[in-house]
Amino acid sequence: MFTGIIENIGTVKGLARVGRGGRLQIDVAPLAKELKSGDSLSIEGVCLTVVDIKAGTASFDVSQETLKRSTLGELRPGDKVNLEMALAVGDRLGGHFVQGHVDGTGTIDKIESHPGQCTMWFSVGPELSQNMIEKGSVAVDGISLTVVDLAPGKFSVALIPYTLENTSLGLKKVGDRVNIETDILGKWVRKLLSAWASEGQGTGLTMESLKAKGFE
């Protein structure tokens, strides 16, 4: 479990294909002294397990499903990636609960620069946008952010200079893909409401009535 508060930016050393998966190596910089084999680390919002760590470089096995669901398979040597260590019991929760289980990817659609902040728009599939609400939480490349505007198939977030300077989003451009994890609470509420509506529960509640109340 993570909070979406990026601790450092790492540098990709290499990604070697192993069978249907891969072995990812990352220079984890100052985090190296705190990590050991078996620890979890969020990389661009994807929870991976440290397999080995030597001279500041950590190695991770990446499954076929992870390569399919995320942007990790597109990483190249020299690329910068967001890093966050797992949440420890008693730590401050600065962002929101982030599992590191990426739901899918989005594409940067537009970047609007304003004094003191940047508004970034992302295009996503309906299976992702249906789990978002305005002012709700979303993790983009592992960063805890707030949905500003929501439209069919797209959403926007506001980024302050600190976020742009201290995360990989500041290096991204229009057309780049990013990892998206929608809020865990929203996903469970939607699933439970859908199941309740399909069963009826003797209340007359249906998917049509839920949609009429705004549950798309």
N, C-alpha and C. Protein backbone atom coordinates (compact mmCIF):
# COMPACT_ATOMS: atom_id res chain seq x y z
N MET A 1 0.85 -1.19 0.00
CA MET A 1 0.00 0.00 0.00
C MET A 1 0.89 1.24 0.00
N PHE A 2 0.45 2.26 -0.78
CA PHE A 2 1.21 3.50 -0.92
C PHE A 2 0.27 4.68 -0.72
N THR A 3 0.83 5.90 -0.79
CA THR A 3 -0.01 7.08 -0.62
C THR A 3 0.03 8.02 -1.82
N GLY A 4 0.89 7.74 -2.80
CA GLY A 4 0.97 8.60 -3.97
C GLY A 4 1.83 9.82 -3.75
N ILE A 5 2.63 9.83 -2.68
CA ILE A 5 3.57 10.93 -2.43
C ILE A 5 4.95 10.45 -2.87
N ILE A 6 5.43 10.94 -3.99
CA ILE A 6 6.68 10.47 -4.58
C ILE A 6 7.86 10.86 -3.70
N GLU A 7 8.73 9.88 -3.43
CA GLU A 7 9.88 10.12 -2.57
C GLU A 7 11.15 10.46 -3.34
N ASN A 8 11.25 9.93 -4.55
CA ASN A 8 12.46 10.18 -5.34
C ASN A 8 12.20 9.83 -6.79
N ILE A 9 13.09 10.27 -7.65
CA ILE A 9 13.03 9.89 -9.06
C ILE A 9 14.21 8.97 -9.36
N GLY A 10 13.92 7.80 -9.89
CA GLY A 10 14.96 6.85 -10.24
C GLY A 10 15.28 6.89 -11.72
N THR A 11 16.35 6.22 -12.10
CA THR A 11 16.78 6.17 -13.50
C THR A 11 16.81 4.73 -13.97
N VAL A 12 16.16 4.46 -15.08
CA VAL A 12 16.13 3.10 -15.63
C VAL A 12 17.51 2.72 -16.15
N LYS A 13 18.00 1.57 -15.71
CA LYS A 13 19.29 1.05 -16.18
C LYS A 13 19.10 0.06 -17.32
N GLY A 14 17.97 -0.64 -17.30
CA GLY A 14 17.72 -1.59 -18.37
C GLY A 14 16.46 -2.40 -18.12
N LEU A 15 15.89 -2.95 -19.19
CA LEU A 15 14.74 -3.84 -19.13
C LEU A 15 14.99 -4.99 -20.09
N ALA A 16 15.23 -6.17 -19.53
CA ALA A 16 15.52 -7.35 -20.35
C ALA A 16 14.30 -8.27 -20.34
N ARG A 17 13.92 -8.73 -21.51
CA ARG A 17 12.80 -9.66 -21.61
C ARG A 17 13.22 -11.03 -21.11
N VAL A 18 12.40 -11.59 -20.23
CA VAL A 18 12.64 -12.93 -19.69
C VAL A 18 11.35 -13.72 -19.87
N GLY A 19 11.34 -14.63 -20.86
CA GLY A 19 10.11 -15.34 -21.17
C GLY A 19 9.05 -14.35 -21.64
N ARG A 20 7.87 -14.40 -21.02
CA ARG A 20 6.82 -13.45 -21.36
C ARG A 20 6.87 -12.20 -20.49
N GLY A 21 7.71 -12.22 -19.48
CA GLY A 21 7.85 -11.08 -18.59
C GLY A 21 9.15 -10.35 -18.83
N GLY A 22 9.71 -9.79 -17.78
CA GLY A 22 10.96 -9.05 -17.94
C GLY A 22 11.66 -8.83 -16.62
N ARG A 23 12.92 -8.42 -16.69
CA ARG A 23 13.71 -8.06 -15.52
C ARG A 23 14.09 -6.59 -15.67
N LEU A 24 13.57 -5.77 -14.74
CA LEU A 24 13.77 -4.33 -14.78
C LEU A 24 14.84 -3.94 -13.76
N GLN A 25 15.78 -3.10 -14.18
CA GLN A 25 16.82 -2.61 -13.28
C GLN A 25 16.75 -1.09 -13.21
N ILE A 26 16.76 -0.58 -11.97
CA ILE A 26 16.60 0.85 -11.76
C ILE A 26 17.60 1.35 -10.72
N ASP A 27 18.23 2.46 -11.03
CA ASP A 27 19.07 3.16 -10.06
C ASP A 27 18.11 3.88 -9.12
N VAL A 28 18.00 3.39 -7.89
CA VAL A 28 17.02 3.93 -6.95
C VAL A 28 17.59 5.05 -6.08
N ALA A 29 18.78 5.50 -6.40
CA ALA A 29 19.40 6.67 -5.74
C ALA A 29 19.38 6.55 -4.22
N PRO A 30 18.99 7.60 -3.48
CA PRO A 30 19.08 7.57 -2.02
C PRO A 30 18.25 6.49 -1.34
N LEU A 31 17.25 5.96 -2.04
CA LEU A 31 16.40 4.94 -1.42
C LEU A 31 17.12 3.60 -1.26
N ALA A 32 18.26 3.45 -1.92
CA ALA A 32 18.98 2.17 -1.90
C ALA A 32 19.33 1.73 -0.48
N LYS A 33 19.70 2.66 0.37
CA LYS A 33 20.11 2.30 1.73
C LYS A 33 18.94 1.85 2.59
N GLU A 34 17.71 2.13 2.14
CA GLU A 34 16.53 1.74 2.91
C GLU A 34 15.87 0.48 2.37
N LEU A 35 16.26 0.07 1.18
CA LEU A 35 15.62 -1.08 0.54
C LEU A 35 16.42 -2.36 0.73
N LYS A 36 15.68 -3.48 0.74
CA LYS A 36 16.32 -4.79 0.77
C LYS A 36 15.48 -5.75 -0.07
N SER A 37 16.04 -6.89 -0.40
CA SER A 37 15.32 -7.88 -1.19
C SER A 37 14.00 -8.24 -0.50
N GLY A 38 12.93 -8.30 -1.28
CA GLY A 38 11.61 -8.64 -0.74
C GLY A 38 10.74 -7.43 -0.45
N ASP A 39 11.34 -6.23 -0.44
CA ASP A 39 10.56 -5.02 -0.19
C ASP A 39 9.72 -4.65 -1.41
N SER A 40 8.62 -3.96 -1.17
CA SER A 40 7.79 -3.44 -2.25
C SER A 40 8.18 -2.01 -2.57
N LEU A 41 8.16 -1.68 -3.84
CA LEU A 41 8.47 -0.32 -4.28
C LEU A 41 7.53 0.04 -5.42
N SER A 42 6.95 1.22 -5.34
CA SER A 42 6.10 1.70 -6.42
C SER A 42 6.97 2.38 -7.47
N ILE A 43 6.87 1.90 -8.71
CA ILE A 43 7.63 2.45 -9.83
C ILE A 43 6.64 2.93 -10.88
N GLU A 44 6.55 4.25 -11.05
CA GLU A 44 5.55 4.84 -11.96
C GLU A 44 4.14 4.35 -11.60
N GLY A 45 3.92 4.13 -10.30
CA GLY A 45 2.60 3.71 -9.84
C GLY A 45 2.37 2.22 -9.83
N VAL A 46 3.37 1.43 -10.21
CA VAL A 46 3.25 -0.03 -10.25
C VAL A 46 4.00 -0.64 -9.07
N CYS A 47 3.32 -1.43 -8.28
CA CYS A 47 3.96 -2.08 -7.14
C CYS A 47 4.77 -3.27 -7.61
N LEU A 48 6.09 -3.22 -7.37
CA LEU A 48 6.98 -4.31 -7.72
C LEU A 48 7.79 -4.73 -6.50
N THR A 49 8.32 -5.94 -6.54
CA THR A 49 9.11 -6.48 -5.43
C THR A 49 10.59 -6.44 -5.77
N VAL A 50 11.39 -5.94 -4.84
CA VAL A 50 12.84 -5.90 -5.03
C VAL A 50 13.37 -7.33 -5.01
N VAL A 51 13.95 -7.78 -6.11
CA VAL A 51 14.52 -9.11 -6.20
C VAL A 51 15.96 -9.11 -5.71
N ASP A 52 16.67 -8.03 -6.07
CA ASP A 52 18.09 -7.92 -5.71
C ASP A 52 18.47 -6.45 -5.73
N ILE A 53 19.44 -6.07 -4.92
CA ILE A 53 19.90 -4.69 -4.94
C ILE A 53 21.41 -4.66 -4.71
N LYS A 54 22.11 -4.04 -5.66
CA LYS A 54 23.57 -3.96 -5.61
C LYS A 54 24.02 -2.60 -6.11
N ALA A 55 24.92 -1.98 -5.35
CA ALA A 55 25.52 -0.70 -5.74
C ALA A 55 24.48 0.33 -6.17
N GLY A 56 23.37 0.37 -5.44
CA GLY A 56 22.35 1.38 -5.71
C GLY A 56 21.37 1.03 -6.81
N THR A 57 21.58 -0.12 -7.46
CA THR A 57 20.67 -0.55 -8.53
C THR A 57 19.81 -1.71 -8.05
N ALA A 58 18.50 -1.53 -8.12
CA ALA A 58 17.56 -2.57 -7.70
C ALA A 58 17.01 -3.29 -8.93
N SER A 59 16.80 -4.60 -8.78
CA SER A 59 16.25 -5.42 -9.87
C SER A 59 14.85 -5.89 -9.49
N PHE A 60 13.97 -5.95 -10.49
CA PHE A 60 12.58 -6.35 -10.28
C PHE A 60 12.14 -7.29 -11.40
N ASP A 61 11.41 -8.32 -11.05
CA ASP A 61 10.78 -9.16 -12.06
C ASP A 61 9.42 -8.57 -12.39
N VAL A 62 9.13 -8.44 -13.68
CA VAL A 62 7.88 -7.83 -14.13
C VAL A 62 7.08 -8.87 -14.91
N SER A 63 5.85 -9.13 -14.49
CA SER A 63 5.03 -10.16 -15.12
C SER A 63 4.47 -9.69 -16.46
N GLN A 64 3.98 -10.64 -17.23
CA GLN A 64 3.37 -10.32 -18.52
C GLN A 64 2.15 -9.41 -18.33
N GLU A 65 1.36 -9.68 -17.29
CA GLU A 65 0.16 -8.88 -17.02
C GLU A 65 0.54 -7.42 -16.71
N THR A 66 1.60 -7.24 -15.94
CA THR A 66 2.04 -5.89 -15.61
C THR A 66 2.52 -5.15 -16.85
N LEU A 67 3.27 -5.84 -17.71
CA LEU A 67 3.74 -5.22 -18.95
C LEU A 67 2.57 -4.83 -19.85
N LYS A 68 1.52 -5.65 -19.81
CA LYS A 68 0.34 -5.40 -20.64
C LYS A 68 -0.48 -4.23 -20.10
N ARG A 69 -0.62 -4.15 -18.79
CA ARG A 69 -1.49 -3.16 -18.16
C ARG A 69 -0.85 -1.79 -17.98
N SER A 70 0.47 -1.72 -17.99
CA SER A 70 1.16 -0.49 -17.64
C SER A 70 2.11 -0.04 -18.75
N THR A 71 2.81 1.05 -18.47
CA THR A 71 3.79 1.58 -19.42
C THR A 71 5.20 1.04 -19.17
N LEU A 72 5.36 0.15 -18.20
CA LEU A 72 6.70 -0.31 -17.85
C LEU A 72 7.42 -0.97 -19.02
N GLY A 73 6.68 -1.63 -19.88
CA GLY A 73 7.30 -2.30 -21.02
C GLY A 73 7.89 -1.33 -22.04
N GLU A 74 7.55 -0.05 -21.92
CA GLU A 74 8.06 0.96 -22.85
C GLU A 74 9.30 1.67 -22.33
N LEU A 75 9.71 1.34 -21.09
CA LEU A 75 10.85 2.03 -20.49
C LEU A 75 12.15 1.72 -21.23
N ARG A 76 13.01 2.74 -21.31
CA ARG A 76 14.31 2.61 -21.95
C ARG A 76 15.39 3.12 -21.00
N PRO A 77 16.63 2.65 -21.16
CA PRO A 77 17.72 3.14 -20.30
C PRO A 77 17.79 4.66 -20.30
N GLY A 78 17.91 5.24 -19.12
CA GLY A 78 17.97 6.69 -19.00
C GLY A 78 16.65 7.33 -18.65
N ASP A 79 15.53 6.61 -18.84
CA ASP A 79 14.23 7.16 -18.50
C ASP A 79 14.13 7.40 -16.99
N LYS A 80 13.42 8.45 -16.62
CA LYS A 80 13.20 8.79 -15.21
C LYS A 80 11.86 8.24 -14.75
N VAL A 81 11.84 7.67 -13.54
CA VAL A 81 10.61 7.06 -13.03
C VAL A 81 10.36 7.49 -11.58
N ASN A 82 9.08 7.60 -11.24
CA ASN A 82 8.69 7.95 -9.89
C ASN A 82 8.87 6.75 -8.96
N LEU A 83 9.39 7.02 -7.75
CA LEU A 83 9.62 5.97 -6.77
C LEU A 83 8.94 6.34 -5.45
N GLU A 84 8.28 5.33 -4.84
CA GLU A 84 7.72 5.49 -3.50
C GLU A 84 7.81 4.17 -2.76
N MET A 85 8.36 4.23 -1.55
CA MET A 85 8.42 3.03 -0.73
C MET A 85 7.04 2.76 -0.12
N ALA A 86 6.82 1.51 0.28
CA ALA A 86 5.53 1.12 0.84
C ALA A 86 5.24 1.86 2.13
N LEU A 87 3.96 2.11 2.37
CA LEU A 87 3.50 2.82 3.56
C LEU A 87 3.75 1.97 4.80
N ALA A 88 4.35 2.57 5.80
CA ALA A 88 4.56 1.88 7.07
C ALA A 88 3.45 2.25 8.04
N VAL A 89 3.08 1.32 8.90
CA VAL A 89 2.04 1.58 9.89
C VAL A 89 2.49 2.75 10.77
N GLY A 90 1.62 3.74 10.91
CA GLY A 90 1.95 4.91 11.71
C GLY A 90 2.45 6.09 10.90
N ASP A 91 2.75 5.87 9.59
CA ASP A 91 3.18 6.98 8.73
C ASP A 91 2.01 7.93 8.46
N ARG A 92 2.35 9.19 8.17
CA ARG A 92 1.32 10.14 7.76
C ARG A 92 0.81 9.76 6.38
N LEU A 93 -0.50 9.89 6.19
CA LEU A 93 -1.10 9.61 4.89
C LEU A 93 -1.27 10.93 4.15
N GLY A 94 -0.23 11.31 3.40
CA GLY A 94 -0.24 12.62 2.76
C GLY A 94 -1.08 12.68 1.50
N GLY A 95 -1.29 11.56 0.81
CA GLY A 95 -2.07 11.55 -0.42
C GLY A 95 -3.37 10.81 -0.23
N HIS A 96 -3.52 9.66 -0.89
CA HIS A 96 -4.68 8.79 -0.67
C HIS A 96 -4.20 7.35 -0.79
N PHE A 97 -5.04 6.39 -0.41
CA PHE A 97 -4.63 4.99 -0.47
C PHE A 97 -4.44 4.57 -1.93
N VAL A 98 -3.20 4.20 -2.25
CA VAL A 98 -2.85 3.75 -3.60
C VAL A 98 -2.29 2.33 -3.48
N GLN A 99 -2.87 1.40 -4.23
CA GLN A 99 -2.45 0.01 -4.13
C GLN A 99 -1.22 -0.33 -4.95
N GLY A 100 -0.99 0.43 -6.01
CA GLY A 100 0.08 0.06 -6.93
C GLY A 100 -0.38 -0.97 -7.93
N HIS A 101 -1.70 -1.15 -8.02
CA HIS A 101 -2.30 -2.07 -8.99
C HIS A 101 -2.93 -1.23 -10.09
N VAL A 102 -2.17 -0.99 -11.14
CA VAL A 102 -2.60 -0.10 -12.22
C VAL A 102 -3.82 -0.67 -12.94
N ASP A 103 -4.83 0.19 -13.12
CA ASP A 103 -6.06 -0.24 -13.81
C ASP A 103 -5.90 -0.20 -15.33
N GLY A 104 -5.05 0.68 -15.80
CA GLY A 104 -4.85 0.82 -17.24
C GLY A 104 -3.99 2.04 -17.51
N THR A 105 -3.94 2.44 -18.75
CA THR A 105 -3.12 3.60 -19.13
C THR A 105 -3.97 4.69 -19.75
N GLY A 106 -3.45 5.90 -19.68
CA GLY A 106 -4.06 7.04 -20.34
C GLY A 106 -3.02 7.74 -21.18
N THR A 107 -3.44 8.72 -21.95
CA THR A 107 -2.53 9.47 -22.82
C THR A 107 -2.68 10.96 -22.53
N ILE A 108 -1.55 11.65 -22.41
CA ILE A 108 -1.61 13.09 -22.19
C ILE A 108 -2.19 13.75 -23.43
N ASP A 109 -3.33 14.40 -23.24
CA ASP A 109 -4.08 14.97 -24.35
C ASP A 109 -3.77 16.46 -24.56
N LYS A 110 -3.53 17.16 -23.45
CA LYS A 110 -3.29 18.61 -23.54
C LYS A 110 -2.59 19.09 -22.28
N ILE A 111 -1.69 20.05 -22.43
CA ILE A 111 -1.01 20.66 -21.29
C ILE A 111 -1.20 22.16 -21.37
N GLU A 112 -1.83 22.72 -20.34
CA GLU A 112 -2.09 24.15 -20.30
C GLU A 112 -1.28 24.77 -19.16
N SER A 113 -0.39 25.67 -19.50
CA SER A 113 0.45 26.32 -18.49
C SER A 113 -0.19 27.62 -18.02
N HIS A 114 -0.23 27.79 -16.70
CA HIS A 114 -0.77 28.99 -16.08
C HIS A 114 0.22 29.48 -15.03
N PRO A 115 0.15 30.73 -14.63
CA PRO A 115 1.03 31.22 -13.56
C PRO A 115 0.85 30.40 -12.28
N GLY A 116 1.90 29.76 -11.85
CA GLY A 116 1.85 29.02 -10.60
C GLY A 116 1.33 27.61 -10.68
N GLN A 117 0.82 27.19 -11.83
CA GLN A 117 0.35 25.81 -11.95
C GLN A 117 0.21 25.41 -13.42
N CYS A 118 0.01 24.13 -13.62
CA CYS A 118 -0.18 23.58 -14.96
C CYS A 118 -1.41 22.67 -14.92
N THR A 119 -2.27 22.78 -15.91
CA THR A 119 -3.41 21.88 -16.02
C THR A 119 -3.10 20.85 -17.10
N MET A 120 -3.19 19.59 -16.73
CA MET A 120 -2.88 18.52 -17.67
C MET A 120 -4.13 17.66 -17.90
N TRP A 121 -4.46 17.46 -19.18
CA TRP A 121 -5.61 16.65 -19.56
C TRP A 121 -5.15 15.28 -20.04
N PHE A 122 -5.89 14.25 -19.66
CA PHE A 122 -5.58 12.88 -20.06
C PHE A 122 -6.79 12.25 -20.73
N SER A 123 -6.55 11.51 -21.79
CA SER A 123 -7.62 10.73 -22.41
C SER A 123 -7.51 9.30 -21.89
N VAL A 124 -8.65 8.74 -21.50
CA VAL A 124 -8.70 7.39 -20.94
C VAL A 124 -9.92 6.65 -21.48
N GLY A 125 -9.93 5.34 -21.31
CA GLY A 125 -11.07 4.54 -21.73
C GLY A 125 -12.22 4.70 -20.75
N PRO A 126 -13.45 4.37 -21.19
CA PRO A 126 -14.62 4.51 -20.32
C PRO A 126 -14.55 3.64 -19.07
N GLU A 127 -13.82 2.52 -19.15
CA GLU A 127 -13.70 1.66 -17.98
C GLU A 127 -12.92 2.33 -16.86
N LEU A 128 -12.16 3.37 -17.18
CA LEU A 128 -11.43 4.13 -16.17
C LEU A 128 -12.21 5.36 -15.74
N SER A 129 -12.72 6.13 -16.70
CA SER A 129 -13.41 7.37 -16.35
C SER A 129 -14.69 7.12 -15.56
N GLN A 130 -15.31 5.95 -15.73
CA GLN A 130 -16.55 5.67 -15.00
C GLN A 130 -16.30 5.47 -13.50
N ASN A 131 -15.03 5.28 -13.13
CA ASN A 131 -14.70 5.13 -11.72
C ASN A 131 -14.14 6.42 -11.12
N MET A 132 -14.26 7.53 -11.83
CA MET A 132 -13.76 8.81 -11.35
C MET A 132 -14.92 9.76 -11.07
N ILE A 133 -14.68 10.70 -10.16
CA ILE A 133 -15.62 11.78 -9.92
C ILE A 133 -14.82 13.08 -9.79
N GLU A 134 -15.45 14.20 -10.11
CA GLU A 134 -14.79 15.48 -9.94
C GLU A 134 -14.43 15.69 -8.48
N LYS A 135 -13.21 16.15 -8.24
CA LYS A 135 -12.64 16.37 -6.91
C LYS A 135 -12.31 15.07 -6.19
N GLY A 136 -12.41 13.96 -6.92
CA GLY A 136 -12.02 12.67 -6.35
C GLY A 136 -10.54 12.43 -6.58
N SER A 137 -10.02 11.36 -5.98
CA SER A 137 -8.59 11.05 -6.08
C SER A 137 -8.30 10.13 -7.27
N VAL A 138 -7.13 10.32 -7.86
CA VAL A 138 -6.65 9.44 -8.92
C VAL A 138 -5.13 9.42 -8.83
N ALA A 139 -4.53 8.28 -9.16
CA ALA A 139 -3.07 8.17 -9.18
C ALA A 139 -2.61 8.13 -10.63
N VAL A 140 -1.75 9.07 -11.01
CA VAL A 140 -1.19 9.13 -12.36
C VAL A 140 0.32 8.90 -12.24
N ASP A 141 0.79 7.81 -12.82
CA ASP A 141 2.20 7.41 -12.67
C ASP A 141 2.60 7.36 -11.20
N GLY A 142 1.64 6.96 -10.36
CA GLY A 142 1.91 6.79 -8.94
C GLY A 142 1.75 8.05 -8.11
N ILE A 143 1.40 9.18 -8.74
CA ILE A 143 1.26 10.45 -8.03
C ILE A 143 -0.18 10.65 -7.60
N SER A 144 -0.40 10.92 -6.32
CA SER A 144 -1.74 11.19 -5.82
C SER A 144 -2.18 12.57 -6.30
N LEU A 145 -3.26 12.60 -7.10
CA LEU A 145 -3.76 13.85 -7.66
C LEU A 145 -5.27 13.92 -7.49
N THR A 146 -5.81 15.11 -7.71
CA THR A 146 -7.25 15.34 -7.60
C THR A 146 -7.83 15.63 -8.98
N VAL A 147 -8.91 14.95 -9.32
CA VAL A 147 -9.59 15.19 -10.59
C VAL A 147 -10.23 16.58 -10.54
N VAL A 148 -9.85 17.44 -11.48
CA VAL A 148 -10.42 18.79 -11.53
C VAL A 148 -11.67 18.79 -12.38
N ASP A 149 -11.55 18.38 -13.63
CA ASP A 149 -12.70 18.30 -14.53
C ASP A 149 -12.78 16.90 -15.10
N LEU A 150 -13.99 16.46 -15.35
CA LEU A 150 -14.22 15.12 -15.88
C LEU A 150 -15.19 15.20 -17.04
N ALA A 151 -14.79 14.64 -18.17
CA ALA A 151 -15.63 14.60 -19.36
C ALA A 151 -15.58 13.18 -19.91
N PRO A 152 -16.51 12.82 -20.80
CA PRO A 152 -16.49 11.46 -21.36
C PRO A 152 -15.12 11.12 -21.96
N GLY A 153 -14.45 10.12 -21.38
CA GLY A 153 -13.18 9.67 -21.92
C GLY A 153 -11.99 10.53 -21.60
N LYS A 154 -12.13 11.53 -20.71
CA LYS A 154 -10.97 12.35 -20.36
C LYS A 154 -11.17 13.03 -19.01
N PHE A 155 -10.05 13.43 -18.42
CA PHE A 155 -10.11 14.16 -17.15
C PHE A 155 -8.89 15.05 -17.05
N SER A 156 -8.94 16.02 -16.14
CA SER A 156 -7.82 16.92 -15.96
C SER A 156 -7.40 16.98 -14.50
N VAL A 157 -6.14 17.35 -14.27
CA VAL A 157 -5.61 17.56 -12.93
C VAL A 157 -4.81 18.86 -12.95
N ALA A 158 -4.66 19.46 -11.78
CA ALA A 158 -3.85 20.67 -11.64
C ALA A 158 -2.53 20.29 -10.99
N LEU A 159 -1.43 20.72 -11.58
CA LEU A 159 -0.09 20.38 -11.08
C LEU A 159 0.63 21.65 -10.65
N ILE A 160 1.09 21.68 -9.40
CA ILE A 160 1.85 22.82 -8.91
C ILE A 160 3.31 22.65 -9.33
N PRO A 161 4.09 23.74 -9.31
CA PRO A 161 5.51 23.65 -9.71
C PRO A 161 6.29 22.57 -8.97
N TYR A 162 6.02 22.38 -7.68
CA TYR A 162 6.75 21.37 -6.91
C TYR A 162 6.55 19.98 -7.52
N THR A 163 5.31 19.66 -7.90
CA THR A 163 5.03 18.34 -8.50
C THR A 163 5.74 18.18 -9.83
N LEU A 164 5.74 19.22 -10.64
CA LEU A 164 6.40 19.16 -11.94
C LEU A 164 7.91 19.00 -11.80
N GLU A 165 8.47 19.61 -10.76
CA GLU A 165 9.92 19.57 -10.57
C GLU A 165 10.41 18.28 -9.90
N ASN A 166 9.52 17.63 -9.14
CA ASN A 166 9.94 16.49 -8.34
C ASN A 166 9.31 15.16 -8.73
N THR A 167 8.66 15.10 -9.88
CA THR A 167 8.11 13.85 -10.39
C THR A 167 8.37 13.75 -11.89
N SER A 168 8.14 12.58 -12.42
CA SER A 168 8.39 12.37 -13.85
C SER A 168 7.37 13.07 -14.74
N LEU A 169 6.24 13.53 -14.17
CA LEU A 169 5.23 14.21 -15.00
C LEU A 169 5.79 15.50 -15.59
N GLY A 170 6.73 16.12 -14.90
CA GLY A 170 7.33 17.34 -15.41
C GLY A 170 8.15 17.12 -16.68
N LEU A 171 8.46 15.85 -16.97
CA LEU A 171 9.26 15.52 -18.15
C LEU A 171 8.39 15.02 -19.30
N LYS A 172 7.10 14.83 -19.03
CA LYS A 172 6.22 14.25 -20.05
C LYS A 172 5.70 15.32 -21.00
N LYS A 173 5.25 14.86 -22.18
CA LYS A 173 4.72 15.76 -23.19
C LYS A 173 3.44 15.18 -23.77
N VAL A 174 2.75 15.98 -24.54
CA VAL A 174 1.50 15.54 -25.18
C VAL A 174 1.76 14.29 -26.01
N GLY A 175 0.91 13.29 -25.85
CA GLY A 175 1.05 12.03 -26.58
C GLY A 175 1.69 10.93 -25.76
N ASP A 176 2.35 11.29 -24.65
CA ASP A 176 2.97 10.27 -23.79
C ASP A 176 1.90 9.50 -23.03
N ARG A 177 2.17 8.22 -22.81
CA ARG A 177 1.24 7.40 -22.03
C ARG A 177 1.63 7.41 -20.56
N VAL A 178 0.62 7.28 -19.71
CA VAL A 178 0.83 7.27 -18.26
C VAL A 178 0.01 6.15 -17.63
N ASN A 179 0.44 5.72 -16.45
CA ASN A 179 -0.29 4.69 -15.70
C ASN A 179 -1.39 5.34 -14.87
N ILE A 180 -2.56 4.72 -14.87
CA ILE A 180 -3.71 5.25 -14.14
C ILE A 180 -4.21 4.21 -13.14
N GLU A 181 -4.38 4.64 -11.89
CA GLU A 181 -5.07 3.82 -10.88
C GLU A 181 -6.18 4.66 -10.28
N THR A 182 -7.42 4.23 -10.49
CA THR A 182 -8.54 4.97 -9.93
C THR A 182 -8.71 4.63 -8.45
N ASP A 183 -9.47 5.45 -7.76
CA ASP A 183 -9.62 5.33 -6.31
C ASP A 183 -10.24 3.97 -5.93
N ILE A 184 -9.60 3.26 -5.02
CA ILE A 184 -10.06 1.93 -4.62
C ILE A 184 -11.47 1.97 -4.05
N LEU A 185 -11.81 3.03 -3.31
CA LEU A 185 -13.15 3.12 -2.72
C LEU A 185 -14.21 3.26 -3.81
N GLY A 186 -13.91 4.06 -4.83
CA GLY A 186 -14.85 4.24 -5.92
C GLY A 186 -15.12 2.94 -6.67
N LYS A 187 -14.07 2.14 -6.86
CA LYS A 187 -14.24 0.87 -7.58
C LYS A 187 -15.13 -0.09 -6.80
N TRP A 188 -14.92 -0.16 -5.48
CA TRP A 188 -15.73 -1.08 -4.66
C TRP A 188 -17.18 -0.60 -4.56
N VAL A 189 -17.38 0.70 -4.43
CA VAL A 189 -18.75 1.21 -4.36
C VAL A 189 -19.49 0.90 -5.65
N ARG A 190 -18.82 1.13 -6.78
CA ARG A 190 -19.47 0.85 -8.07
C ARG A 190 -19.80 -0.63 -8.20
N LYS A 191 -18.88 -1.51 -7.82
CA LYS A 191 -19.11 -2.95 -7.93
C LYS A 191 -20.28 -3.39 -7.06
N LEU A 192 -20.33 -2.89 -5.83
CA LEU A 192 -21.40 -3.27 -4.92
C LEU A 192 -22.75 -2.75 -5.38
N LEU A 193 -22.77 -1.50 -5.87
CA LEU A 193 -24.03 -0.94 -6.38
C LEU A 193 -24.51 -1.70 -7.60
N SER A 194 -23.59 -2.08 -8.47
CA SER A 194 -23.97 -2.84 -9.67
C SER A 194 -24.54 -4.19 -9.31
N ALA A 195 -23.90 -4.86 -8.34
CA ALA A 195 -24.39 -6.17 -7.90
C ALA A 195 -25.74 -6.02 -7.24
N TRP A 196 -25.91 -5.00 -6.42
CA TRP A 196 -27.17 -4.76 -5.72
C TRP A 196 -28.29 -4.48 -6.71
N ALA A 197 -27.98 -3.65 -7.72
CA ALA A 197 -28.98 -3.30 -8.72
C ALA A 197 -29.39 -4.50 -9.56
N SER A 198 -28.41 -5.34 -9.93
CA SER A 198 -28.73 -6.49 -10.77
C SER A 198 -29.58 -7.52 -10.03
N GLU A 199 -29.39 -7.60 -8.71
CA GLU A 199 -30.18 -8.55 -7.91
C GLU A 199 -31.54 -7.97 -7.51
N GLY A 200 -31.62 -6.62 -7.52
CA GLY A 200 -32.89 -5.99 -7.19
C GLY A 200 -33.11 -5.80 -5.72
N GLN A 201 -32.78 -6.81 -4.92
CA GLN A 201 -32.94 -6.76 -3.47
C GLN A 201 -34.37 -6.41 -3.05
N GLY A 202 -35.33 -6.63 -3.96
CA GLY A 202 -36.72 -6.36 -3.61
C GLY A 202 -37.02 -4.89 -3.41
N THR A 203 -36.14 -4.02 -3.86
CA THR A 203 -36.33 -2.58 -3.64
C THR A 203 -36.73 -1.84 -4.90
N GLY A 204 -36.70 -2.53 -6.02
CA GLY A 204 -36.98 -1.85 -7.28
C GLY A 204 -35.78 -1.10 -7.82
N LEU A 205 -34.63 -1.25 -7.13
CA LEU A 205 -33.42 -0.58 -7.58
C LEU A 205 -32.87 -1.29 -8.80
N THR A 206 -32.62 -0.55 -9.87
CA THR A 206 -32.10 -1.11 -11.12
C THR A 206 -30.93 -0.27 -11.60
N MET A 207 -30.22 -0.78 -12.59
CA MET A 207 -29.13 0.00 -13.16
C MET A 207 -29.66 1.30 -13.76
N GLU A 208 -30.88 1.23 -14.34
CA GLU A 208 -31.46 2.44 -14.93
C GLU A 208 -31.73 3.50 -13.87
N SER A 209 -32.24 3.06 -12.69
CA SER A 209 -32.52 4.03 -11.64
C SER A 209 -31.23 4.59 -11.06
N LEU A 210 -30.16 3.75 -11.00
CA LEU A 210 -28.88 4.23 -10.51
C LEU A 210 -28.30 5.26 -11.46
N LYS A 211 -28.41 4.98 -12.77
CA LYS A 211 -27.89 5.93 -13.75
C LYS A 211 -28.64 7.25 -13.67
N ALA A 212 -29.96 7.17 -13.40
CA ALA A 212 -30.75 8.39 -13.28
C ALA A 212 -30.30 9.23 -12.09
N LYS A 213 -29.68 8.56 -11.10
CA LYS A 213 -29.19 9.27 -9.92
C LYS A 213 -27.73 9.69 -10.07
N GLY A 214 -27.18 9.41 -11.27
CA GLY A 214 -25.81 9.87 -11.52
C GLY A 214 -24.74 8.80 -11.42
N PHE A 215 -25.12 7.53 -11.14
CA PHE A 215 -24.14 6.45 -11.06
C PHE A 215 -23.98 5.86 -12.45
N GLU A 216 -23.07 6.42 -13.25
CA GLU A 216 -22.87 5.96 -14.63
C GLU A 216 -21.99 4.72 -14.65
